[in-house]
Protein backbone atom coordinates (compact mmCIF):
# COMPACT_ATOMS: atom_id res chain seq x y z
CA MET A 1 0.00 0.00 0.00
CA ALA A 2 1.37 3.42 -0.95
CA LEU A 3 1.28 5.97 1.86
CA ILE A 4 0.19 9.48 1.05
CA PHE A 5 2.32 12.17 2.65
CA LEU A 6 0.26 14.75 4.50
CA ASP A 7 2.28 17.32 6.41
CA PRO A 8 0.90 17.74 9.95
CA GLY A 9 2.41 21.25 9.87
CA LEU A 10 -0.42 22.24 7.52
CA LEU A 11 -2.97 21.83 10.33
CA ARG A 12 -2.65 25.47 11.46
CA ARG A 13 -6.26 26.66 11.59
CA ARG A 14 -8.40 26.19 14.70
CA VAL A 15 -11.91 25.03 13.83
CA ARG A 16 -14.85 23.95 15.94
CA LEU A 17 -16.54 20.66 15.10
CA GLN A 18 -20.33 20.78 15.47
CA THR A 19 -23.10 18.23 15.20
CA PRO A 20 -26.71 19.02 14.27
CA ASP A 21 -29.48 18.40 16.81
CA MET A 22 -33.05 18.40 15.53
CA ILE A 23 -35.38 20.18 17.94
CA ALA A 24 -39.16 19.98 17.55
CA ASP A 25 -40.92 23.28 16.98
CA ALA A 26 -44.47 24.30 17.87
CA SER A 27 -45.84 23.59 14.39
CA GLY A 28 -44.86 19.91 14.33
CA GLY A 29 -41.66 20.39 12.35
CA ALA A 30 -38.09 20.61 13.51
CA VAL A 31 -35.30 23.16 13.54
CA THR A 32 -31.59 22.49 13.52
CA ALA A 33 -29.56 23.54 16.54
CA TRP A 34 -25.80 23.09 16.33
CA ARG A 35 -23.92 21.64 19.31
CA GLU A 36 -20.15 21.95 19.62
CA VAL A 37 -18.35 18.60 19.90
CA ALA A 38 -14.68 19.57 19.82
CA GLU A 39 -12.12 22.15 18.80
CA LEU A 40 -9.31 20.91 16.58
CA SER A 41 -6.53 21.93 14.22
CA ALA A 42 -7.18 21.64 10.50
CA HIS A 43 -6.06 22.68 7.05
CA VAL A 44 -8.81 24.48 5.10
CA GLU A 45 -8.55 25.15 1.38
CA PRO A 46 -11.19 26.42 -1.04
CA LEU A 47 -11.92 24.12 -3.97
CA SER A 48 -14.65 25.64 -6.11
CA ALA A 49 -17.31 28.28 -6.36
CA ALA A 50 -20.34 28.05 -8.59
CA ALA A 51 -23.31 30.35 -9.08
CA ARG A 52 -26.65 29.43 -10.55
CA GLU A 53 -30.16 30.76 -10.63
CA ARG A 54 -32.73 28.91 -8.58
CA PHE A 55 -36.35 29.94 -8.16
CA GLY A 56 -35.53 33.36 -9.56
CA GLN A 57 -32.72 33.95 -7.07
CA ARG A 58 -29.00 33.63 -7.41
CA ALA A 59 -27.61 30.67 -5.42
CA GLU A 60 -23.91 30.15 -4.79
CA THR A 61 -22.13 26.96 -3.81
CA VAL A 62 -18.63 27.19 -2.35
CA THR A 63 -16.76 23.98 -1.56
CA HIS A 64 -13.70 23.41 0.61
CA ARG A 65 -11.36 20.58 1.49
CA VAL A 66 -10.72 20.29 5.23
CA ILE A 67 -7.93 18.01 6.43
CA CYS A 68 -7.73 17.08 10.12
CA ARG A 69 -6.37 14.32 12.30
CA PHE A 70 -8.46 11.15 12.18
CA ARG A 71 -11.41 11.01 14.57
CA SER A 72 -13.90 8.17 14.53
CA ASP A 73 -16.76 10.46 15.64
CA ILE A 74 -16.74 12.69 12.53
CA ASP A 75 -19.54 11.95 10.06
CA ARG A 76 -21.37 13.46 7.11
CA GLY A 77 -23.81 16.19 8.10
CA MET A 78 -21.55 17.54 10.84
CA ALA A 79 -19.82 20.88 10.30
CA PHE A 80 -16.57 22.70 10.87
CA VAL A 81 -16.92 26.30 12.01
CA LEU A 82 -14.13 28.65 11.00
CA LYS A 83 -14.72 32.06 12.61
CA ASP A 84 -18.27 32.88 11.42
CA ARG A 85 -18.38 30.39 8.51
CA ARG A 86 -19.99 26.93 8.73
CA LEU A 87 -18.56 24.25 6.43
CA THR A 88 -20.96 21.30 6.30
CA ILE A 89 -19.29 17.93 5.71
CA ARG A 90 -20.62 16.26 2.54
CA SER A 91 -18.07 13.43 2.30
CA LEU A 92 -15.02 12.22 4.17
CA HIS A 93 -12.34 9.59 3.76
CA ASP A 94 -9.06 8.36 5.19
CA PRO A 95 -6.78 8.98 2.18
CA ASP A 96 -4.30 6.18 2.86
CA GLU A 97 -6.37 4.08 5.30
CA SER A 98 -3.72 4.53 7.98
CA GLY A 99 -6.00 6.14 10.58
CA ARG A 100 -3.85 9.29 10.69
CA PHE A 101 -5.86 11.89 8.77
CA LEU A 102 -9.34 12.61 7.42
CA VAL A 103 -9.98 14.53 4.23
CA CYS A 104 -13.44 16.11 4.29
CA ARG A 105 -15.17 17.70 1.34
CA CYS A 106 -17.37 20.48 2.69
CA GLU A 107 -19.92 22.95 1.42
CA GLU A 108 -20.09 26.42 2.90
CA GLU A 109 -23.52 27.44 4.17
CA ARG A 110 -24.66 30.73 2.70
């Protein structure tokens, strides 16, 4: 198996890891409340930005790659918070299956 070299020195940004909690509202639906799980070091890099028109309004999608140390409790639907930006995790994988790092593809909430 070929090992992928990921420099731990790249993990310079402090991010907060959050998980969504669904809370029932008065009308029988639910709202999302975010609960902080941990604070960790990560590497955050923008990947793409796309704009499109949806229902007569302009909608933007900005994606990022977030690399962090491996944690077994990180899952899709959770989010990294970087200052006032929430990056929702859409996919994640261990790039070399060594249990050292996670590479998460995230979408910025707008």
